[in-house]
Amino acid sequence: MPLNMMASYNEENSQIDVSQEEKDKLVAEVIRHVLFKTYQSSGCPIKREDLTQLITKNYRQRSLPALVINEARDKLSSIFGYEMKELQRSRPSSNRQGRVSQQGTAEAKSYVIVSKVPPDIYSKYIEDKSTSHVTGFTFVVISIVHLAGGKISEENLWHQLRRLGLNESDENHPCFGNTKQTLEMLVQQRYLLKEKVNGPEGNTVMYELAERALDESISEKLKDYIAQIVSNETTAEAD
């Protein structure tokens, strides 16, 4: 390690009164937690609050969590090839008016890990082909909501999915099992927001694009995919 980096590490550690060895153990523990939870929960975001509690279980230094989490992010990138991306939890558009407490904003922060490997190499050597149907389902649902203007009722969403052969009452689909639970997983993974809206005809469940679906890397692929479909349909009509 270069002398200037070593000096910086020693200065940070002296300020928080934690040895280099202790800090390294905490960083390793955070990395293990992030990787395990990502796999266990099928990519659902990991709350910053959970990581903070993991770090402060035996330590009370206020600046320690930020230091450990930042170093864990660096090592996940340099060693494992993952970007540990911070998500700021979105709220349904109907609830975005008004002031949010500082505490509520802090609690809303979470992380997901995203591979930094080029897409062609990832697809060839890393991608789990056994879960490709779930990836396809996610992309289709996000596309439907996007084309609906970023927000769609549950009834209309299932109307579109039924045209693709997916029914909300199906609990034993050959690929997805319980289709309603598969859709609910997209809410837990923060691709969709789900909200009940009161109207003149009673309560309506609405789905809206959440922060992961609005991420630039996803939205650009989505636009390219939709543009390609429109172009193919236009060519077919012309022929």
C-alpha atoms as a PDB file:
ATOM      1  CA  MET A   1       0.000   0.000   0.000  1.00  0.00           C
ATOM      2  CA  PRO A   2       1.398   3.487  -0.869  1.00  0.00           C
ATOM      3  CA  LEU A   3       2.656   5.538   2.076  1.00  0.00           C
ATOM      4  CA  ASN A   4       0.062   8.290   1.603  1.00  0.00           C
ATOM      5  CA  MET A   5      -2.799   5.736   1.669  1.00  0.00           C
ATOM      6  CA  MET A   6      -1.292   4.027   4.711  1.00  0.00           C
ATOM      7  CA  ALA A   7      -1.107   7.374   6.495  1.00  0.00           C
ATOM      8  CA  SER A   8      -4.720   8.107   5.600  1.00  0.00           C
ATOM      9  CA  TYR A   9      -5.859   4.719   6.925  1.00  0.00           C
ATOM     10  CA  ASN A  10      -3.919   5.183  10.154  1.00  0.00           C
ATOM     11  CA  GLU A  11      -5.362   8.670  10.613  1.00  0.00           C
ATOM     12  CA  GLU A  12      -8.935   7.438  10.079  1.00  0.00           C
ATOM     13  CA  ASN A  13      -8.439   4.523  12.451  1.00  0.00           C
ATOM     14  CA  SER A  14      -6.948   6.713  15.152  1.00  0.00           C
ATOM     15  CA  GLN A  15      -9.908   9.069  14.911  1.00  0.00           C
ATOM     16  CA  ILE A  16     -12.391   6.253  15.489  1.00  0.00           C
ATOM     17  CA  ASP A  17     -10.146   4.361  17.951  1.00  0.00           C
ATOM     18  CA  VAL A  18     -10.388   1.032  16.109  1.00  0.00           C
ATOM     19  CA  SER A  19      -7.392  -1.035  15.059  1.00  0.00           C
ATOM     20  CA  GLN A  20      -6.722  -1.873  11.421  1.00  0.00           C
ATOM     21  CA  GLU A  21      -7.366  -5.542  12.179  1.00  0.00           C
ATOM     22  CA  GLU A  22     -10.736  -4.792  13.802  1.00  0.00           C
ATOM     23  CA  LYS A  23     -11.790  -2.598  10.897  1.00  0.00           C
ATOM     24  CA  ASP A  24     -10.748  -5.240   8.346  1.00  0.00           C
ATOM     25  CA  LYS A  25     -12.878  -7.828  10.165  1.00  0.00           C
ATOM     26  CA  LEU A  26     -15.875  -5.487  10.082  1.00  0.00           C
ATOM     27  CA  VAL A  27     -15.374  -4.810   6.361  1.00  0.00           C
ATOM     28  CA  ALA A  28     -15.195  -8.560   5.668  1.00  0.00           C
ATOM     29  CA  GLU A  29     -18.340  -9.119   7.743  1.00  0.00           C
ATOM     30  CA  VAL A  30     -20.248  -6.459   5.791  1.00  0.00           C
ATOM     31  CA  ILE A  31     -19.129  -7.980   2.468  1.00  0.00           C
ATOM     32  CA  ARG A  32     -20.218 -11.466   3.561  1.00  0.00           C
ATOM     33  CA  HIS A  33     -23.566 -10.090   4.721  1.00  0.00           C
ATOM     34  CA  VAL A  34     -24.190  -8.228   1.444  1.00  0.00           C
ATOM     35  CA  LEU A  35     -23.298 -11.202  -0.765  1.00  0.00           C
ATOM     36  CA  PHE A  36     -25.248 -13.725   1.321  1.00  0.00           C
ATOM     37  CA  LYS A  37     -28.367 -11.568   1.666  1.00  0.00           C
ATOM     38  CA  THR A  38     -28.372 -10.701  -2.030  1.00  0.00           C
ATOM     39  CA  TYR A  39     -28.340 -14.399  -2.910  1.00  0.00           C
ATOM     40  CA  GLN A  40     -30.800 -15.396  -0.173  1.00  0.00           C
ATOM     41  CA  SER A  41     -33.360 -12.697  -0.998  1.00  0.00           C
ATOM     42  CA  SER A  42     -33.135 -12.921  -4.816  1.00  0.00           C
ATOM     43  CA  GLY A  43     -31.574  -9.477  -5.127  1.00  0.00           C
ATOM     44  CA  CYS A  44     -33.820  -7.533  -2.742  1.00  0.00           C
ATOM     45  CA  PRO A  45     -32.151  -4.321  -1.497  1.00  0.00           C
ATOM     46  CA  ILE A  46     -30.190  -4.424   1.748  1.00  0.00           C
ATOM     47  CA  LYS A  47     -31.036  -1.678   4.219  1.00  0.00           C
ATOM     48  CA  ARG A  48     -28.222   0.598   5.318  1.00  0.00           C
ATOM     49  CA  GLU A  49     -29.772   0.427   8.777  1.00  0.00           C
ATOM     50  CA  ASP A  50     -29.079  -3.340   8.869  1.00  0.00           C
ATOM     51  CA  LEU A  51     -25.426  -2.808   7.916  1.00  0.00           C
ATOM     52  CA  THR A  52     -25.082  -0.076  10.526  1.00  0.00           C
ATOM     53  CA  GLN A  53     -26.471  -2.359  13.221  1.00  0.00           C
ATOM     54  CA  LEU A  54     -24.059  -5.080  12.146  1.00  0.00           C
ATOM     55  CA  ILE A  55     -21.120  -2.685  12.527  1.00  0.00           C
ATOM     56  CA  THR A  56     -22.216  -1.043  15.779  1.00  0.00           C
ATOM     57  CA  LYS A  57     -23.109  -4.318  17.494  1.00  0.00           C
ATOM     58  CA  ASN A  58     -19.843  -4.151  19.450  1.00  0.00           C
ATOM     59  CA  TYR A  59     -18.711  -0.611  18.613  1.00  0.00           C
ATOM     60  CA  ARG A  60     -20.236   2.774  19.385  1.00  0.00           C
ATOM     61  CA  GLN A  61     -18.079   5.127  17.282  1.00  0.00           C
ATOM     62  CA  ARG A  62     -20.443   7.338  15.296  1.00  0.00           C
ATOM     63  CA  SER A  63     -18.273   7.642  12.176  1.00  0.00           C
ATOM     64  CA  LEU A  64     -17.393   3.931  11.992  1.00  0.00           C
ATOM     65  CA  PRO A  65     -20.363   2.698   9.873  1.00  0.00           C
ATOM     66  CA  ALA A  66     -19.682   5.147   7.030  1.00  0.00           C
ATOM     67  CA  LEU A  67     -15.985   4.250   7.007  1.00  0.00           C
ATOM     68  CA  VAL A  68     -16.595   0.487   7.000  1.00  0.00           C
ATOM     69  CA  ILE A  69     -19.407   0.576   4.410  1.00  0.00           C
ATOM     70  CA  ASN A  70     -17.351   2.749   2.039  1.00  0.00           C
ATOM     71  CA  GLU A  71     -14.370   0.394   2.295  1.00  0.00           C
ATOM     72  CA  ALA A  72     -16.653  -2.620   1.770  1.00  0.00           C
ATOM     73  CA  ARG A  73     -17.985  -0.959  -1.399  1.00  0.00           C
ATOM     74  CA  ASP A  74     -14.418  -0.413  -2.643  1.00  0.00           C
ATOM     75  CA  LYS A  75     -13.449  -4.048  -2.038  1.00  0.00           C
ATOM     76  CA  LEU A  76     -16.638  -5.409  -3.595  1.00  0.00           C
ATOM     77  CA  SER A  77     -15.699  -3.426  -6.692  1.00  0.00           C
ATOM     78  CA  SER A  78     -11.965  -4.190  -6.859  1.00  0.00           C
ATOM     79  CA  ILE A  79     -12.070  -7.849  -5.750  1.00  0.00           C
ATOM     80  CA  PHE A  80     -15.511  -9.163  -6.722  1.00  0.00           C
ATOM     81  CA  GLY A  81     -16.369  -6.898  -9.648  1.00  0.00           C
ATOM     82  CA  TYR A  82     -19.610  -5.628  -8.093  1.00  0.00           C
ATOM     83  CA  GLU A  83     -20.844  -2.084  -7.741  1.00  0.00           C
ATOM     84  CA  MET A  84     -22.644  -1.642  -4.430  1.00  0.00           C
ATOM     85  CA  LYS A  85     -25.189   0.913  -5.573  1.00  0.00           C
ATOM     86  CA  GLU A  86     -27.074   3.051  -3.085  1.00  0.00           C
ATOM     87  CA  LEU A  87     -30.814   3.405  -3.604  1.00  0.00           C
ATOM     88  CA  GLN A  88     -32.875   6.284  -2.244  1.00  0.00           C
ATOM     89  CA  ARG A  89     -36.246   4.732  -1.562  1.00  0.00           C
ATOM     90  CA  SER A  90     -38.968   6.099  -3.815  1.00  0.00           C
ATOM     91  CA  ARG A  91     -42.448   6.854  -2.563  1.00  0.00           C
ATOM     92  CA  PRO A  92     -45.657   6.557  -4.587  1.00  0.00           C
ATOM     93  CA  SER A  93     -46.346   9.733  -6.592  1.00  0.00           C
ATOM     94  CA  SER A  94     -49.535  10.401  -4.634  1.00  0.00           C
ATOM     95  CA  ASN A  95     -47.489  10.559  -1.410  1.00  0.00           C
ATOM     96  CA  ARG A  96     -44.638  12.727  -2.661  1.00  0.00           C
ATOM     97  CA  GLN A  97     -46.172  15.956  -1.457  1.00  0.00           C
ATOM     98  CA  GLY A  98     -45.275  17.228   1.969  1.00  0.00           C
ATOM     99  CA  ARG A  99     -42.152  17.142   4.034  1.00  0.00           C
ATOM    100  CA  VAL A 100     -40.265  13.966   4.861  1.00  0.00           C
ATOM    101  CA  SER A 101     -38.476  13.751   8.181  1.00  0.00           C
ATOM    102  CA  GLN A 102     -34.683  13.520   8.165  1.00  0.00           C
ATOM    103  CA  GLN A 103     -34.874  10.271  10.109  1.00  0.00           C
ATOM    104  CA  GLY A 104     -37.285   8.740   7.602  1.00  0.00           C
ATOM    105  CA  THR A 105     -34.964   9.658   4.731  1.00  0.00           C
ATOM    106  CA  ALA A 106     -31.965   8.081   6.457  1.00  0.00           C
ATOM    107  CA  GLU A 107     -33.845   4.872   7.172  1.00  0.00           C
ATOM    108  CA  ALA A 108     -34.915   4.653   3.550  1.00  0.00           C
ATOM    109  CA  LYS A 109     -31.382   4.186   2.184  1.00  0.00           C
ATOM    110  CA  SER A 110     -30.530   0.738   0.893  1.00  0.00           C
ATOM    111  CA  TYR A 111     -28.066  -1.024  -1.409  1.00  0.00           C
ATOM    112  CA  VAL A 112     -28.071  -3.490  -4.282  1.00  0.00           C
ATOM    113  CA  ILE A 113     -25.052  -5.024  -5.966  1.00  0.00           C
ATOM    114  CA  VAL A 114     -24.667  -4.783  -9.734  1.00  0.00           C
ATOM    115  CA  SER A 115     -22.074  -6.653 -11.785  1.00  0.00           C
ATOM    116  CA  LYS A 116     -19.445  -4.459 -13.476  1.00  0.00           C
ATOM    117  CA  VAL A 117     -18.564  -7.236 -15.930  1.00  0.00           C
ATOM    118  CA  PRO A 118     -19.357  -6.330 -19.585  1.00  0.00           C
ATOM    119  CA  PRO A 119     -22.817  -7.676 -20.602  1.00  0.00           C
ATOM    120  CA  ASP A 120     -21.511 -10.094 -23.266  1.00  0.00           C
ATOM    121  CA  ILE A 121     -18.989 -11.686 -20.891  1.00  0.00           C
ATOM    122  CA  TYR A 122     -21.516 -11.757 -18.044  1.00  0.00           C
ATOM    123  CA  SER A 123     -24.076 -13.496 -20.255  1.00  0.00           C
ATOM    124  CA  LYS A 124     -21.540 -16.080 -21.454  1.00  0.00           C
ATOM    125  CA  TYR A 125     -19.720 -16.968 -18.237  1.00  0.00           C
ATOM    126  CA  ILE A 126     -21.667 -15.711 -15.188  1.00  0.00           C
ATOM    127  CA  GLU A 127     -25.383 -15.416 -15.850  1.00  0.00           C
ATOM    128  CA  ASP A 128     -27.502 -18.127 -14.276  1.00  0.00           C
ATOM    129  CA  LYS A 129     -29.573 -19.377 -17.215  1.00  0.00           C
ATOM    130  CA  SER A 130     -31.969 -21.143 -14.837  1.00  0.00           C
ATOM    131  CA  THR A 131     -33.281 -17.744 -13.690  1.00  0.00           C
ATOM    132  CA  SER A 132     -33.453 -16.102 -17.126  1.00  0.00           C
ATOM    133  CA  HIS A 133     -37.242 -16.495 -17.191  1.00  0.00           C
ATOM    134  CA  VAL A 134     -37.496 -14.290 -14.084  1.00  0.00           C
ATOM    135  CA  THR A 135     -35.283 -11.674 -15.724  1.00  0.00           C
ATOM    136  CA  GLY A 136     -37.534 -11.772 -18.784  1.00  0.00           C
ATOM    137  CA  PHE A 137     -40.647 -11.422 -16.636  1.00  0.00           C
ATOM    138  CA  THR A 138     -39.132  -8.420 -14.852  1.00  0.00           C
ATOM    139  CA  PHE A 139     -38.263  -6.721 -18.128  1.00  0.00           C
ATOM    140  CA  VAL A 140     -41.712  -7.341 -19.607  1.00  0.00           C
ATOM    141  CA  VAL A 141     -43.541  -5.985 -16.552  1.00  0.00           C
ATOM    142  CA  ILE A 142     -41.332  -2.889 -16.397  1.00  0.00           C
ATOM    143  CA  SER A 143     -41.925  -2.339 -20.132  1.00  0.00           C
ATOM    144  CA  ILE A 144     -45.705  -2.549 -19.697  1.00  0.00           C
ATOM    145  CA  VAL A 145     -45.664  -0.031 -16.845  1.00  0.00           C
ATOM    146  CA  HIS A 146     -43.302   2.254 -18.751  1.00  0.00           C
ATOM    147  CA  LEU A 147     -45.574   2.247 -21.831  1.00  0.00           C
ATOM    148  CA  ALA A 148     -48.527   3.031 -19.572  1.00  0.00           C
ATOM    149  CA  GLY A 149     -46.813   6.251 -18.551  1.00  0.00           C
ATOM    150  CA  GLY A 150     -44.940   4.915 -15.523  1.00  0.00           C
ATOM    151  CA  LYS A 151     -48.068   3.939 -13.592  1.00  0.00           C
ATOM    152  CA  ILE A 152     -50.770   1.314 -14.153  1.00  0.00           C
ATOM    153  CA  SER A 153     -53.639  -0.247 -12.242  1.00  0.00           C
ATOM    154  CA  GLU A 154     -53.340  -3.839 -11.085  1.00  0.00           C
ATOM    155  CA  GLU A 155     -56.354  -4.749 -13.243  1.00  0.00           C
ATOM    156  CA  ASN A 156     -54.821  -3.306 -16.413  1.00  0.00           C
ATOM    157  CA  LEU A 157     -51.419  -4.832 -15.692  1.00  0.00           C
ATOM    158  CA  TRP A 158     -52.883  -8.317 -15.366  1.00  0.00           C
ATOM    159  CA  HIS A 159     -54.971  -7.693 -18.484  1.00  0.00           C
ATOM    160  CA  GLN A 160     -51.737  -7.188 -20.416  1.00  0.00           C
ATOM    161  CA  LEU A 161     -50.032 -10.163 -18.763  1.00  0.00           C
ATOM    162  CA  ARG A 162     -52.976 -12.430 -19.563  1.00  0.00           C
ATOM    163  CA  ARG A 163     -52.378 -11.645 -23.239  1.00  0.00           C
ATOM    164  CA  LEU A 164     -48.948 -13.212 -22.706  1.00  0.00           C
ATOM    165  CA  GLY A 165     -50.419 -16.312 -21.093  1.00  0.00           C
ATOM    166  CA  LEU A 166     -49.948 -15.306 -17.441  1.00  0.00           C
ATOM    167  CA  ASN A 167     -52.954 -15.376 -15.114  1.00  0.00           C
ATOM    168  CA  GLU A 168     -53.086 -13.899 -11.617  1.00  0.00           C
ATOM    169  CA  SER A 169     -54.948 -16.948 -10.326  1.00  0.00           C
ATOM    170  CA  ASP A 170     -52.235 -19.373 -11.443  1.00  0.00           C
ATOM    171  CA  GLU A 171     -50.410 -20.816  -8.416  1.00  0.00           C
ATOM    172  CA  ASN A 172     -48.538 -23.546 -10.313  1.00  0.00           C
ATOM    173  CA  HIS A 173     -47.166 -21.941 -13.449  1.00  0.00           C
ATOM    174  CA  PRO A 174     -44.435 -24.180 -14.960  1.00  0.00           C
ATOM    175  CA  CYS A 175     -41.889 -21.319 -14.891  1.00  0.00           C
ATOM    176  CA  PHE A 176     -43.076 -18.896 -12.221  1.00  0.00           C
ATOM    177  CA  GLY A 177     -45.068 -21.011  -9.785  1.00  0.00           C
ATOM    178  CA  ASN A 178     -47.381 -18.540  -8.030  1.00  0.00           C
ATOM    179  CA  THR A 179     -47.600 -15.678 -10.540  1.00  0.00           C
ATOM    180  CA  LYS A 180     -48.940 -13.142  -8.022  1.00  0.00           C
ATOM    181  CA  GLN A 181     -45.987 -13.838  -5.731  1.00  0.00           C
ATOM    182  CA  THR A 182     -43.606 -13.424  -8.669  1.00  0.00           C
ATOM    183  CA  LEU A 183     -45.092  -9.986  -9.333  1.00  0.00           C
ATOM    184  CA  GLU A 184     -44.914  -9.140  -5.626  1.00  0.00           C
ATOM    185  CA  MET A 185     -41.191  -9.985  -5.692  1.00  0.00           C
ATOM    186  CA  LEU A 186     -40.671  -7.056  -8.094  1.00  0.00           C
ATOM    187  CA  VAL A 187     -42.074  -4.780  -5.394  1.00  0.00           C
ATOM    188  CA  GLN A 188     -39.697  -6.232  -2.808  1.00  0.00           C
ATOM    189  CA  GLN A 189     -36.782  -5.864  -5.216  1.00  0.00           C
ATOM    190  CA  ARG A 190     -37.719  -2.196  -5.719  1.00  0.00           C
ATOM    191  CA  TYR A 191     -38.521  -2.395  -9.413  1.00  0.00           C
ATOM    192  CA  LEU A 192     -42.142  -1.474  -8.674  1.00  0.00           C
ATOM    193  CA  LEU A 193     -44.069   0.527  -6.109  1.00  0.00           C
ATOM    194  CA  LYS A 194     -47.462  -0.762  -5.030  1.00  0.00           C
ATOM    195  CA  GLU A 195     -50.146   1.487  -3.578  1.00  0.00           C
ATOM    196  CA  LYS A 196     -53.832   1.400  -2.772  1.00  0.00           C
ATOM    197  CA  VAL A 197     -55.640   4.497  -4.070  1.00  0.00           C
ATOM    198  CA  ASN A 198     -59.085   5.563  -2.890  1.00  0.00           C
ATOM    199  CA  GLY A 199     -61.456   6.495  -5.691  1.00  0.00           C
ATOM    200  CA  PRO A 200     -65.179   6.956  -6.371  1.00  0.00           C
ATOM    201  CA  GLU A 201     -65.455   3.250  -7.211  1.00  0.00           C
ATOM    202  CA  GLY A 202     -63.543   2.068  -4.150  1.00  0.00           C
ATOM    203  CA  ASN A 203     -59.916   1.105  -3.612  1.00  0.00           C
ATOM    204  CA  THR A 204     -57.686   0.524  -6.640  1.00  0.00           C
ATOM    205  CA  VAL A 205     -54.243  -1.066  -6.475  1.00  0.00           C
ATOM    206  CA  MET A 206     -51.716   0.848  -8.576  1.00  0.00           C
ATOM    207  CA  TYR A 207     -48.221  -0.173  -9.673  1.00  0.00           C
ATOM    208  CA  GLU A 208     -45.584   2.436 -10.409  1.00  0.00           C
ATOM    209  CA  LEU A 209     -41.945   2.281 -11.518  1.00  0.00           C
ATOM    210  CA  ALA A 210     -39.587   2.320  -8.527  1.00  0.00           C
ATOM    211  CA  GLU A 211     -35.958   3.408  -8.228  1.00  0.00           C
ATOM    212  CA  ARG A 212     -34.336   0.305  -9.741  1.00  0.00           C
ATOM    213  CA  ALA A 213     -36.545   0.466 -12.842  1.00  0.00           C
ATOM    214  CA  LEU A 214     -35.811   4.196 -13.128  1.00  0.00           C
ATOM    215  CA  ASP A 215     -32.042   3.649 -12.958  1.00  0.00           C
ATOM    216  CA  GLU A 216     -30.383   4.987 -16.098  1.00  0.00           C
ATOM    217  CA  SER A 217     -28.795   1.638 -17.013  1.00  0.00           C
ATOM    218  CA  ILE A 218     -32.223  -0.055 -16.967  1.00  0.00           C
ATOM    219  CA  SER A 219     -34.247   2.750 -18.533  1.00  0.00           C
ATOM    220  CA  GLU A 220     -31.836   3.093 -21.478  1.00  0.00           C
ATOM    221  CA  LYS A 221     -32.032  -0.651 -22.228  1.00  0.00           C
ATOM    222  CA  LEU A 222     -35.794  -0.422 -21.945  1.00  0.00           C
ATOM    223  CA  LYS A 223     -36.041   2.433 -24.429  1.00  0.00           C
ATOM    224  CA  ASP A 224     -33.740   0.653 -26.880  1.00  0.00           C
ATOM    225  CA  TYR A 225     -35.786  -2.552 -26.585  1.00  0.00           C
ATOM    226  CA  ILE A 226     -39.111  -0.772 -27.150  1.00  0.00           C
ATOM    227  CA  ALA A 227     -37.673   1.213 -30.069  1.00  0.00           C
ATOM    228  CA  GLN A 228     -36.462  -2.050 -31.636  1.00  0.00           C
ATOM    229  CA  ILE A 229     -39.927  -3.643 -31.310  1.00  0.00           C
ATOM    230  CA  VAL A 230     -41.623  -0.590 -32.847  1.00  0.00           C
ATOM    231  CA  SER A 231     -39.089  -0.583 -35.695  1.00  0.00           C
ATOM    232  CA  ASN A 232     -39.667  -4.299 -36.393  1.00  0.00           C
ATOM    233  CA  GLU A 233     -43.443  -3.847 -36.392  1.00  0.00           C
ATOM    234  CA  THR A 234     -43.181  -0.879 -38.742  1.00  0.00           C
ATOM    235  CA  THR A 235     -40.978  -2.903 -41.120  1.00  0.00           C
ATOM    236  CA  ALA A 236     -43.383  -5.845 -41.000  1.00  0.00           C
ATOM    237  CA  GLU A 237     -46.354  -3.597 -41.836  1.00  0.00           C
ATOM    238  CA  ALA A 238     -44.444  -2.037 -44.706  1.00  0.00           C
ATOM    239  CA  ASP A 239     -43.703  -5.495 -46.149  1.00  0.00           C
END
